[in-house]
Amino acid sequence: MKKLIEKIVTNSGKPHMVGDGFRVFNYIPGAGIPQERISPFLLLDFNPEYDFGPSNHLRGVGVHPHKGFETVTIAYKGSVAHHDSTGSHGIINSGDVQWMTAGKGILHKEYHEEAFSKKGGPFEMVQLWVNLPKKDKSVTPHYQELTAAGMGKIELPDNGGVVNVIAGSFNGVTGPAETYSPVNLIDIKLNEGAEITTSVSAGHNTALLVVNGSIEVNGEIAAEHSFVLFENKGEEIQIKANRNSVVLLLSGEPIHEPIVSYGPFVMNTNEEIDQAIEDFNSGKFGVLKD
């Protein structure tokens, strides 16, 4: 049975700036999609292609804390660097993914990589927040740097395009990301006229973002920058590209636990939020210079 579509969001309001380096539209929870409805996903910010211009100032987001969840940054165009309070540092370029597990608490900063910033050019990114189950909210913070070359790959026949499996599996191919609950995160690039079919568990909360192009999904048109939320009925998803298109497909097994959010902290109770604030203020997240 085809997976039914609950709604297609064609406009997620006006873009807003995150720091001075990310010009984003918010789809989760900004498009009227509660975090509980799309669990384990807590947030989806999309920076559609935008040229910030050359700069000697490294645009981005300064030092800030996270606790209790994971941040996933997907680079479509441009380059992003990061530092954190564990001493880790890295750079992701087009096709790469940075998967950070904040766990028991971390400080980090993200900004346009220096050479890219000086040159300028098209910049296109997605950032997801993925919740952690209660039992894993105090894990030691760590990064997974997932390169374009290391993704699970499916080359479609007849020059139809390519599928990059970041996490979970897609038509029998698995991705490199290690997750704390079942999550599928799939980057799909389709050439005009190409079609692809896959199955996603009816129990998974499932959605897709049309990063570029225009598609027909299970018989309905989804234009560029549309966000498609599926019902938890049916399993089959059919996608046809009306023109060259890039699609991000995400699904995950819901975490049936309370969600209590306070800015960069996501826990299960108000008391745990209070403890997170106390831990941050007392320096337990480490030190990182802006």
Protein backbone atom coordinates (compact mmCIF):
# COMPACT_ATOMS: atom_id res chain seq x y z
CA MET A 1 0.00 0.00 0.00
CA LYS A 2 1.25 3.48 -0.86
CA LYS A 3 2.13 5.67 2.10
CA LEU A 4 -0.58 8.30 2.41
CA ILE A 5 0.34 11.99 2.44
CA GLU A 6 -0.89 13.99 5.43
CA LYS A 7 0.07 17.40 4.10
CA ILE A 8 2.44 19.26 1.80
CA VAL A 9 3.90 22.48 3.17
CA THR A 10 4.76 24.77 0.26
CA ASN A 11 5.86 27.81 2.26
CA SER A 12 7.47 27.79 5.68
CA GLY A 13 7.17 31.54 6.21
CA LYS A 14 10.00 34.06 5.98
CA PRO A 15 13.65 33.07 6.35
CA HIS A 16 15.48 34.02 9.52
CA MET A 17 19.15 34.21 10.38
CA VAL A 18 20.87 31.76 12.68
CA GLY A 19 23.94 33.71 13.71
CA ASP A 20 25.14 35.63 10.67
CA GLY A 21 26.00 32.64 8.49
CA PHE A 22 22.82 30.59 8.06
CA ARG A 23 19.72 32.00 6.32
CA VAL A 24 17.10 29.36 7.06
CA PHE A 25 13.48 28.38 6.69
CA ASN A 26 12.20 26.29 9.58
CA TYR A 27 9.98 23.29 8.75
CA ILE A 28 10.10 21.44 12.07
CA PRO A 29 8.39 22.64 14.21
CA GLY A 30 7.77 25.91 12.32
CA ALA A 31 5.36 24.49 9.72
CA GLY A 32 2.86 23.53 12.39
CA ILE A 33 4.38 20.07 12.83
CA PRO A 34 4.78 19.34 16.57
CA GLN A 35 7.95 17.62 17.69
CA GLU A 36 5.90 14.73 19.09
CA ARG A 37 4.31 14.19 15.66
CA ILE A 38 7.63 13.85 13.83
CA SER A 39 9.69 12.23 16.64
CA PRO A 40 12.61 11.51 16.77
CA PHE A 41 13.19 14.68 14.70
CA LEU A 42 13.05 17.86 16.76
CA LEU A 43 14.03 20.53 14.24
CA LEU A 44 14.65 20.95 10.52
CA ASP A 45 16.23 24.20 9.30
CA PHE A 46 16.84 24.57 5.56
CA ASN A 47 19.25 27.13 4.11
CA PRO A 48 18.31 27.14 0.41
CA GLU A 49 21.01 28.19 -2.02
CA TYR A 50 22.23 31.68 -1.12
CA ASP A 51 25.43 33.58 -1.93
CA PHE A 52 26.65 35.45 1.15
CA GLY A 53 29.46 37.02 -0.90
CA PRO A 54 33.18 37.04 -0.13
CA SER A 55 34.19 38.02 3.40
CA ASN A 56 37.24 38.07 5.64
CA HIS A 57 34.85 37.65 8.58
CA LEU A 58 33.94 34.04 9.23
CA ARG A 59 30.15 34.11 9.23
CA GLY A 60 28.41 31.53 11.36
CA VAL A 61 27.19 30.79 14.88
CA GLY A 62 29.37 31.54 17.89
CA VAL A 63 29.94 29.33 20.91
CA HIS A 64 26.72 27.80 22.21
CA PRO A 65 25.73 24.71 24.25
CA HIS A 66 23.68 21.61 23.44
CA LYS A 67 22.49 18.74 25.62
CA GLY A 68 20.23 15.71 25.21
CA PHE A 69 20.08 15.30 21.41
CA GLU A 70 22.09 15.21 18.17
CA THR A 71 22.69 17.84 15.49
CA VAL A 72 23.07 16.72 11.89
CA THR A 73 24.43 19.19 9.32
CA ILE A 74 24.15 18.21 5.64
CA ALA A 75 26.27 20.24 3.21
CA TYR A 76 24.85 20.56 -0.30
CA LYS A 77 26.91 23.57 -1.40
CA GLY A 78 29.66 25.43 0.41
CA SER A 79 31.88 24.50 3.34
CA VAL A 80 31.36 24.63 7.10
CA ALA A 81 33.94 24.31 9.86
CA HIS A 82 33.31 23.54 13.51
CA HIS A 83 35.10 23.44 16.86
CA ASP A 84 33.88 22.04 20.16
CA SER A 85 34.80 21.89 23.83
CA THR A 86 36.14 18.34 23.56
CA GLY A 87 38.91 19.64 21.28
CA SER A 88 37.40 18.29 18.09
CA HIS A 89 37.59 20.28 14.85
CA GLY A 90 36.53 19.49 11.33
CA ILE A 91 35.34 20.77 7.95
CA ILE A 92 32.49 19.46 5.84
CA ASN A 93 32.20 20.18 2.13
CA SER A 94 29.55 19.53 -0.50
CA GLY A 95 28.12 16.03 0.00
CA ASP A 96 29.53 15.62 3.51
CA VAL A 97 27.59 15.34 6.78
CA GLN A 98 28.54 16.28 10.34
CA TRP A 99 26.68 14.22 12.96
CA MET A 100 27.25 15.57 16.46
CA THR A 101 25.97 13.78 19.54
CA ALA A 102 25.68 16.40 22.28
CA GLY A 103 24.77 13.81 24.92
CA LYS A 104 25.57 15.01 28.43
CA GLY A 105 26.59 18.46 27.23
CA ILE A 106 28.94 20.21 24.82
CA LEU A 107 29.91 23.66 23.60
CA HIS A 108 30.48 24.15 19.88
CA LYS A 109 30.57 26.72 17.11
CA GLU A 110 29.92 26.43 13.38
CA TYR A 111 31.02 28.88 10.72
CA HIS A 112 31.84 29.24 7.03
CA GLU A 113 35.19 27.59 6.33
CA GLU A 114 37.92 30.21 5.84
CA ALA A 115 38.83 29.61 2.17
CA PHE A 116 35.16 29.38 1.19
CA SER A 117 34.35 32.53 3.15
CA LYS A 118 37.06 34.57 1.41
CA LYS A 119 35.94 33.40 -2.03
CA GLY A 120 32.18 33.38 -1.46
CA GLY A 121 29.76 31.39 -3.57
CA PRO A 122 26.57 29.36 -3.32
CA PHE A 123 25.80 28.05 0.16
CA GLU A 124 23.12 25.41 0.78
CA MET A 125 22.68 23.41 3.97
CA VAL A 126 20.18 21.44 6.05
CA GLN A 127 20.39 21.06 9.81
CA LEU A 128 18.38 18.48 11.71
CA TRP A 129 18.06 17.94 15.43
CA VAL A 130 17.52 14.28 16.33
CA ASN A 131 16.30 13.40 19.81
CA LEU A 132 18.08 10.91 22.02
CA PRO A 133 16.19 8.33 24.09
CA LYS A 134 16.26 9.05 27.84
CA LYS A 135 18.76 6.25 28.42
CA ASP A 136 21.25 7.89 26.04
CA LYS A 137 20.89 11.56 26.95
CA SER A 138 24.02 11.44 29.11
CA VAL A 139 26.38 9.73 26.66
CA THR A 140 29.81 11.25 26.14
CA PRO A 141 29.68 13.90 23.38
CA HIS A 142 31.22 12.89 20.05
CA TYR A 143 31.22 13.58 16.31
CA GLN A 144 30.77 11.45 13.24
CA GLU A 145 32.28 13.09 10.16
CA LEU A 146 30.60 11.38 7.22
CA THR A 147 32.25 12.09 3.88
CA ALA A 148 30.52 12.05 0.51
CA ALA A 149 32.79 9.19 -0.57
CA GLY A 150 31.79 7.09 2.45
CA MET A 151 28.02 7.20 1.96
CA GLY A 152 26.06 4.12 0.97
CA LYS A 153 25.44 4.62 -2.75
CA ILE A 154 22.90 3.44 -5.32
CA GLU A 155 23.48 4.39 -8.95
CA LEU A 156 20.11 4.45 -10.70
CA PRO A 157 19.80 2.81 -14.14
CA ASP A 158 19.63 4.78 -17.39
CA ASN A 159 21.46 7.75 -15.87
CA GLY A 160 18.53 8.28 -13.52
CA GLY A 161 20.62 9.72 -10.70
CA VAL A 162 22.17 8.59 -7.44
CA VAL A 163 20.99 7.84 -3.91
CA ASN A 164 23.30 8.58 -0.97
CA VAL A 165 22.35 6.69 2.19
CA ILE A 166 23.50 8.72 5.20
CA ALA A 167 21.82 6.70 7.97
CA GLY A 168 19.69 3.57 8.13
CA SER A 169 18.96 1.77 4.89
CA PHE A 170 17.38 2.31 1.49
CA ASN A 171 16.51 -0.56 -0.85
CA GLY A 172 19.04 -2.84 0.83
CA VAL A 173 21.94 -0.35 1.03
CA THR A 174 23.01 0.93 4.46
CA GLY A 175 24.54 4.23 5.45
CA PRO A 176 27.60 4.90 7.65
CA ALA A 177 25.96 6.90 10.47
CA GLU A 178 25.52 5.20 13.82
CA THR A 179 22.25 6.16 15.51
CA TYR A 180 20.73 5.68 18.96
CA SER A 181 17.26 4.87 17.62
CA PRO A 182 16.17 3.62 14.19
CA VAL A 183 16.59 6.52 11.72
CA ASN A 184 16.76 6.61 7.92
CA LEU A 185 18.28 9.70 6.31
CA ILE A 186 18.50 9.53 2.53
CA ASP A 187 19.86 12.06 -0.01
CA ILE A 188 18.22 11.40 -3.39
CA LYS A 189 19.38 13.07 -6.61
CA LEU A 190 17.11 12.37 -9.60
CA ASN A 191 17.53 13.48 -13.19
CA GLU A 192 14.46 14.70 -15.06
CA GLY A 193 12.02 11.87 -15.76
CA ALA A 194 13.70 9.41 -13.38
CA GLU A 195 11.59 7.39 -10.96
CA ILE A 196 12.36 5.50 -7.79
CA THR A 197 10.33 3.40 -5.36
CA THR A 198 11.10 2.40 -1.80
CA SER A 199 9.33 1.13 1.31
CA VAL A 200 9.33 2.74 4.75
CA SER A 201 7.79 1.15 7.83
CA ALA A 202 4.25 2.36 8.47
CA GLY A 203 5.28 2.87 12.10
CA HIS A 204 8.01 5.35 11.20
CA ASN A 205 7.34 9.07 11.20
CA THR A 206 8.29 9.99 7.63
CA ALA A 207 8.76 13.17 5.62
CA LEU A 208 10.72 14.54 2.69
CA LEU A 209 12.10 17.93 1.69
CA VAL A 210 12.39 18.96 -1.95
CA VAL A 211 15.77 20.68 -1.77
CA ASN A 212 15.81 21.45 -5.49
CA GLY A 213 13.57 20.76 -8.45
CA SER A 214 10.02 19.43 -8.57
CA ILE A 215 8.72 15.93 -8.00
CA GLU A 216 5.60 13.82 -8.06
CA VAL A 217 5.37 11.72 -4.90
CA ASN A 218 2.67 9.07 -4.58
CA GLY A 219 0.65 10.89 -7.20
CA GLU A 220 0.90 14.41 -5.74
CA ILE A 221 3.06 17.29 -6.97
CA ALA A 222 5.65 18.68 -4.54
CA ALA A 223 7.33 21.83 -5.83
CA GLU A 224 10.80 23.11 -4.98
CA HIS A 225 11.31 23.68 -1.24
CA SER A 226 8.11 21.80 -0.36
CA PHE A 227 8.01 19.65 2.77
CA VAL A 228 5.91 16.50 2.54
CA LEU A 229 4.63 14.86 5.73
CA PHE A 230 3.35 11.30 5.36
CA GLU A 231 0.67 9.62 7.42
CA ASN A 232 1.58 6.52 9.41
CA LYS A 233 -0.35 4.41 6.95
CA GLY A 234 1.11 2.40 4.09
CA GLU A 235 4.75 1.77 3.30
CA GLU A 236 5.46 2.42 -0.39
CA ILE A 237 6.86 5.75 -1.59
CA GLN A 238 7.14 6.47 -5.32
CA ILE A 239 9.06 9.53 -6.48
CA LYS A 240 9.26 10.85 -10.05
CA ALA A 241 11.37 13.87 -10.97
CA ASN A 242 9.58 16.42 -13.13
CA ARG A 243 12.97 18.08 -13.59
CA ASN A 244 16.42 17.52 -12.12
CA SER A 245 15.71 17.28 -8.39
CA VAL A 246 17.33 16.78 -5.00
CA VAL A 247 15.21 15.23 -2.25
CA LEU A 248 15.99 14.57 1.41
CA LEU A 249 13.95 11.64 2.75
CA LEU A 250 13.83 11.17 6.52
CA SER A 251 12.09 8.61 8.67
CA GLY A 252 12.44 7.36 12.19
CA GLU A 253 10.89 5.20 14.86
CA PRO A 254 9.10 7.50 17.31
CA ILE A 255 10.60 7.88 20.77
CA HIS A 256 7.56 7.63 23.02
CA GLU A 257 8.93 9.75 25.86
CA PRO A 258 8.12 13.26 27.11
CA ILE A 259 9.89 16.11 25.27
CA VAL A 260 10.83 19.14 27.38
CA SER A 261 12.78 21.75 25.42
CA TYR A 262 14.52 24.88 26.61
CA GLY A 263 16.55 26.46 23.82
CA PRO A 264 19.57 24.23 23.18
CA PHE A 265 18.58 21.65 25.82
CA VAL A 266 16.10 18.82 25.16
CA MET A 267 15.31 16.57 28.10
CA ASN A 268 12.34 14.62 29.53
CA THR A 269 11.43 16.71 32.59
CA ASN A 270 11.64 20.32 33.79
CA GLU A 271 13.93 19.18 36.58
CA GLU A 272 16.37 17.80 34.00
CA ILE A 273 16.27 21.15 32.18
CA ASP A 274 17.10 22.92 35.44
CA GLN A 275 20.02 20.53 35.91
CA ALA A 276 21.23 21.16 32.35
CA ILE A 277 21.25 24.92 32.97
CA GLU A 278 23.12 24.41 36.24
CA ASP A 279 25.67 22.12 34.55
CA PHE A 280 26.22 24.68 31.79
CA ASN A 281 26.59 27.59 34.20
CA SER A 282 29.02 25.64 36.40
CA GLY A 283 31.31 24.85 33.45
CA LYS A 284 30.58 21.15 33.13
CA PHE A 285 30.24 21.48 29.32
CA GLY A 286 33.89 22.45 29.07
CA VAL A 287 35.53 25.57 27.64
CA LEU A 288 35.58 26.94 24.10
CA LYS A 289 36.68 30.40 22.99
CA ASP A 290 34.46 32.35 20.58
